Amino acid sequence: MIKHMLLLFAPIVVGTMVFFSWIGEQAVTILVSLFASTFGVLLVTGWTAKLFGGGRARKEGNRRHDVR
């Protein structure tokens, strides 16, 4: 697989070079959307983990505390 990495990444590199001027013009928009989407995914993942697993972990933690 390592022998073929250049073949797999060549389209990405060529695409970046072709659209380099457009990427430069839209850099602020790209960075804002990148950070906003990353933050959004972190929030949704945290809320989902809290919804599905937080209550159970909290109850188990209280039981352990009561036993001691």
N, C-alpha and C. Protein backbone atom coordinates (compact mmCIF):
# COMPACT_ATOMS: atom_id res chain seq x y z
N MET A 1 0.83 -1.19 0.00
CA MET A 1 0.00 0.00 0.00
C MET A 1 0.87 1.26 0.00
N ILE A 2 1.98 1.21 0.71
CA ILE A 2 2.86 2.38 0.77
C ILE A 2 3.44 2.68 -0.61
N LYS A 3 3.68 1.65 -1.41
CA LYS A 3 4.22 1.87 -2.76
C LYS A 3 3.26 2.69 -3.61
N HIS A 4 1.96 2.60 -3.35
CA HIS A 4 0.96 3.24 -4.19
C HIS A 4 0.39 4.53 -3.60
N MET A 5 1.00 5.03 -2.52
CA MET A 5 0.48 6.24 -1.89
C MET A 5 0.52 7.44 -2.82
N LEU A 6 1.56 7.59 -3.60
CA LEU A 6 1.65 8.71 -4.52
C LEU A 6 0.52 8.67 -5.53
N LEU A 7 0.18 7.49 -6.01
CA LEU A 7 -0.92 7.34 -6.94
C LEU A 7 -2.25 7.73 -6.30
N LEU A 8 -2.43 7.40 -5.03
CA LEU A 8 -3.68 7.70 -4.35
C LEU A 8 -3.82 9.18 -4.00
N PHE A 9 -2.70 9.85 -3.69
CA PHE A 9 -2.76 11.25 -3.30
C PHE A 9 -2.55 12.23 -4.44
N ALA A 10 -2.17 11.76 -5.62
CA ALA A 10 -1.93 12.64 -6.76
C ALA A 10 -3.16 13.46 -7.15
N PRO A 11 -4.35 12.91 -7.21
CA PRO A 11 -5.52 13.73 -7.57
C PRO A 11 -5.78 14.86 -6.59
N ILE A 12 -5.53 14.63 -5.32
CA ILE A 12 -5.73 15.67 -4.32
C ILE A 12 -4.72 16.81 -4.53
N VAL A 13 -3.48 16.45 -4.76
CA VAL A 13 -2.45 17.46 -4.97
C VAL A 13 -2.71 18.26 -6.24
N VAL A 14 -3.06 17.59 -7.32
CA VAL A 14 -3.33 18.27 -8.59
C VAL A 14 -4.55 19.17 -8.46
N GLY A 15 -5.59 18.69 -7.79
CA GLY A 15 -6.78 19.51 -7.59
C GLY A 15 -6.49 20.75 -6.77
N THR A 16 -5.65 20.61 -5.76
CA THR A 16 -5.27 21.76 -4.96
C THR A 16 -4.47 22.76 -5.78
N MET A 17 -3.58 22.28 -6.63
CA MET A 17 -2.78 23.19 -7.45
C MET A 17 -3.64 23.91 -8.48
N VAL A 18 -4.62 23.22 -9.06
CA VAL A 18 -5.47 23.83 -10.07
C VAL A 18 -6.33 24.93 -9.46
N PHE A 19 -6.85 24.70 -8.27
CA PHE A 19 -7.75 25.66 -7.63
C PHE A 19 -7.06 26.49 -6.56
N PHE A 20 -5.74 26.59 -6.62
CA PHE A 20 -4.99 27.31 -5.58
C PHE A 20 -5.40 28.78 -5.50
N SER A 21 -5.60 29.44 -6.62
CA SER A 21 -5.98 30.86 -6.58
C SER A 21 -7.38 31.02 -5.98
N TRP A 22 -8.30 30.13 -6.32
CA TRP A 22 -9.65 30.20 -5.75
C TRP A 22 -9.62 29.92 -4.24
N ILE A 23 -8.80 28.97 -3.83
CA ILE A 23 -8.67 28.66 -2.40
C ILE A 23 -8.11 29.88 -1.66
N GLY A 24 -7.15 30.56 -2.27
CA GLY A 24 -6.59 31.77 -1.65
C GLY A 24 -7.63 32.87 -1.51
N GLU A 25 -8.48 33.04 -2.51
CA GLU A 25 -9.52 34.07 -2.44
C GLU A 25 -10.58 33.74 -1.40
N GLN A 26 -10.87 32.48 -1.22
CA GLN A 26 -11.93 32.03 -0.31
C GLN A 26 -11.38 31.48 1.01
N ALA A 27 -10.16 31.83 1.36
CA ALA A 27 -9.51 31.25 2.54
C ALA A 27 -10.29 31.52 3.83
N VAL A 28 -10.76 32.76 3.99
CA VAL A 28 -11.48 33.10 5.23
C VAL A 28 -12.78 32.29 5.32
N THR A 29 -13.51 32.22 4.22
CA THR A 29 -14.76 31.46 4.21
C THR A 29 -14.51 29.98 4.49
N ILE A 30 -13.48 29.44 3.89
CA ILE A 30 -13.15 28.03 4.09
C ILE A 30 -12.78 27.77 5.55
N LEU A 31 -11.96 28.64 6.13
CA LEU A 31 -11.54 28.44 7.52
C LEU A 31 -12.69 28.60 8.50
N VAL A 32 -13.57 29.58 8.26
CA VAL A 32 -14.72 29.77 9.15
C VAL A 32 -15.64 28.55 9.09
N SER A 33 -15.92 28.06 7.89
CA SER A 33 -16.79 26.88 7.78
C SER A 33 -16.12 25.65 8.37
N LEU A 34 -14.82 25.53 8.24
CA LEU A 34 -14.09 24.40 8.81
C LEU A 34 -14.20 24.38 10.33
N PHE A 35 -13.94 25.54 10.96
CA PHE A 35 -14.01 25.61 12.41
C PHE A 35 -15.44 25.50 12.93
N ALA A 36 -16.39 26.11 12.23
CA ALA A 36 -17.79 26.03 12.65
C ALA A 36 -18.31 24.60 12.57
N SER A 37 -17.99 23.90 11.50
CA SER A 37 -18.46 22.52 11.37
C SER A 37 -17.79 21.61 12.39
N THR A 38 -16.51 21.83 12.66
CA THR A 38 -15.82 21.03 13.67
C THR A 38 -16.44 21.25 15.04
N PHE A 39 -16.69 22.51 15.39
CA PHE A 39 -17.30 22.83 16.68
C PHE A 39 -18.71 22.25 16.76
N GLY A 40 -19.47 22.30 15.66
CA GLY A 40 -20.81 21.74 15.64
C GLY A 40 -20.80 20.24 15.85
N VAL A 41 -19.87 19.55 15.22
CA VAL A 41 -19.77 18.09 15.39
C VAL A 41 -19.40 17.75 16.83
N LEU A 42 -18.50 18.53 17.42
CA LEU A 42 -18.13 18.28 18.82
C LEU A 42 -19.32 18.48 19.74
N LEU A 43 -20.11 19.52 19.52
CA LEU A 43 -21.29 19.75 20.34
C LEU A 43 -22.31 18.63 20.21
N VAL A 44 -22.62 18.26 18.99
CA VAL A 44 -23.61 17.20 18.77
C VAL A 44 -23.13 15.88 19.35
N THR A 45 -21.87 15.57 19.20
CA THR A 45 -21.32 14.34 19.75
C THR A 45 -21.38 14.35 21.27
N GLY A 46 -21.04 15.47 21.87
CA GLY A 46 -21.11 15.59 23.33
C GLY A 46 -22.52 15.45 23.84
N TRP A 47 -23.47 16.12 23.19
CA TRP A 47 -24.87 16.02 23.61
C TRP A 47 -25.40 14.60 23.45
N THR A 48 -25.02 13.95 22.37
CA THR A 48 -25.46 12.58 22.14
C THR A 48 -24.87 11.63 23.18
N ALA A 49 -23.59 11.79 23.48
CA ALA A 49 -22.96 10.94 24.49
C ALA A 49 -23.59 11.18 25.86
N LYS A 50 -23.90 12.42 26.15
CA LYS A 50 -24.54 12.73 27.43
C LYS A 50 -25.94 12.15 27.50
N LEU A 51 -26.66 12.21 26.38
CA LEU A 51 -28.02 11.71 26.34
C LEU A 51 -28.06 10.20 26.50
N PHE A 52 -27.19 9.48 25.80
CA PHE A 52 -27.25 8.02 25.79
C PHE A 52 -26.41 7.37 26.88
N GLY A 53 -25.37 8.01 27.35
CA GLY A 53 -24.50 7.33 28.31
C GLY A 53 -24.29 8.07 29.61
N GLY A 54 -24.63 9.33 29.67
CA GLY A 54 -24.34 10.13 30.85
C GLY A 54 -25.13 9.74 32.07
N GLY A 55 -26.40 9.46 31.91
CA GLY A 55 -27.24 9.10 33.04
C GLY A 55 -26.82 7.79 33.67
N ARG A 56 -26.47 6.82 32.84
CA ARG A 56 -26.05 5.51 33.33
C ARG A 56 -24.74 5.62 34.10
N ALA A 57 -23.78 6.37 33.56
CA ALA A 57 -22.49 6.51 34.23
C ALA A 57 -22.66 7.25 35.55
N ARG A 58 -23.51 8.22 35.59
CA ARG A 58 -23.75 8.98 36.80
C ARG A 58 -24.36 8.08 37.87
N LYS A 59 -25.32 7.24 37.50
CA LYS A 59 -25.95 6.33 38.46
C LYS A 59 -24.95 5.30 38.98
N GLU A 60 -24.13 4.77 38.10
CA GLU A 60 -23.13 3.80 38.52
C GLU A 60 -22.12 4.45 39.45
N GLY A 61 -21.77 5.68 39.18
CA GLY A 61 -20.83 6.40 40.03
C GLY A 61 -21.40 6.62 41.41
N ASN A 62 -22.69 6.93 41.50
CA ASN A 62 -23.32 7.12 42.80
C ASN A 62 -23.37 5.81 43.57
N ARG A 63 -23.62 4.70 42.90
CA ARG A 63 -23.66 3.41 43.57
C ARG A 63 -22.30 3.06 44.15
N ARG A 64 -21.27 3.30 43.39
CA ARG A 64 -19.92 3.01 43.89
C ARG A 64 -19.61 3.86 45.11
N HIS A 65 -20.06 5.10 45.07
CA HIS A 65 -19.80 6.00 46.18
C HIS A 65 -20.54 5.55 47.44
N ASP A 66 -21.77 5.07 47.26
CA ASP A 66 -22.57 4.62 48.40
C ASP A 66 -21.98 3.36 49.04
N VAL A 67 -21.37 2.49 48.24
CA VAL A 67 -20.82 1.23 48.73
C VAL A 67 -19.63 1.48 49.65
N ARG A 68 -18.85 2.47 49.33
CA ARG A 68 -17.64 2.73 50.13
C ARG A 68 -18.04 3.26 51.44
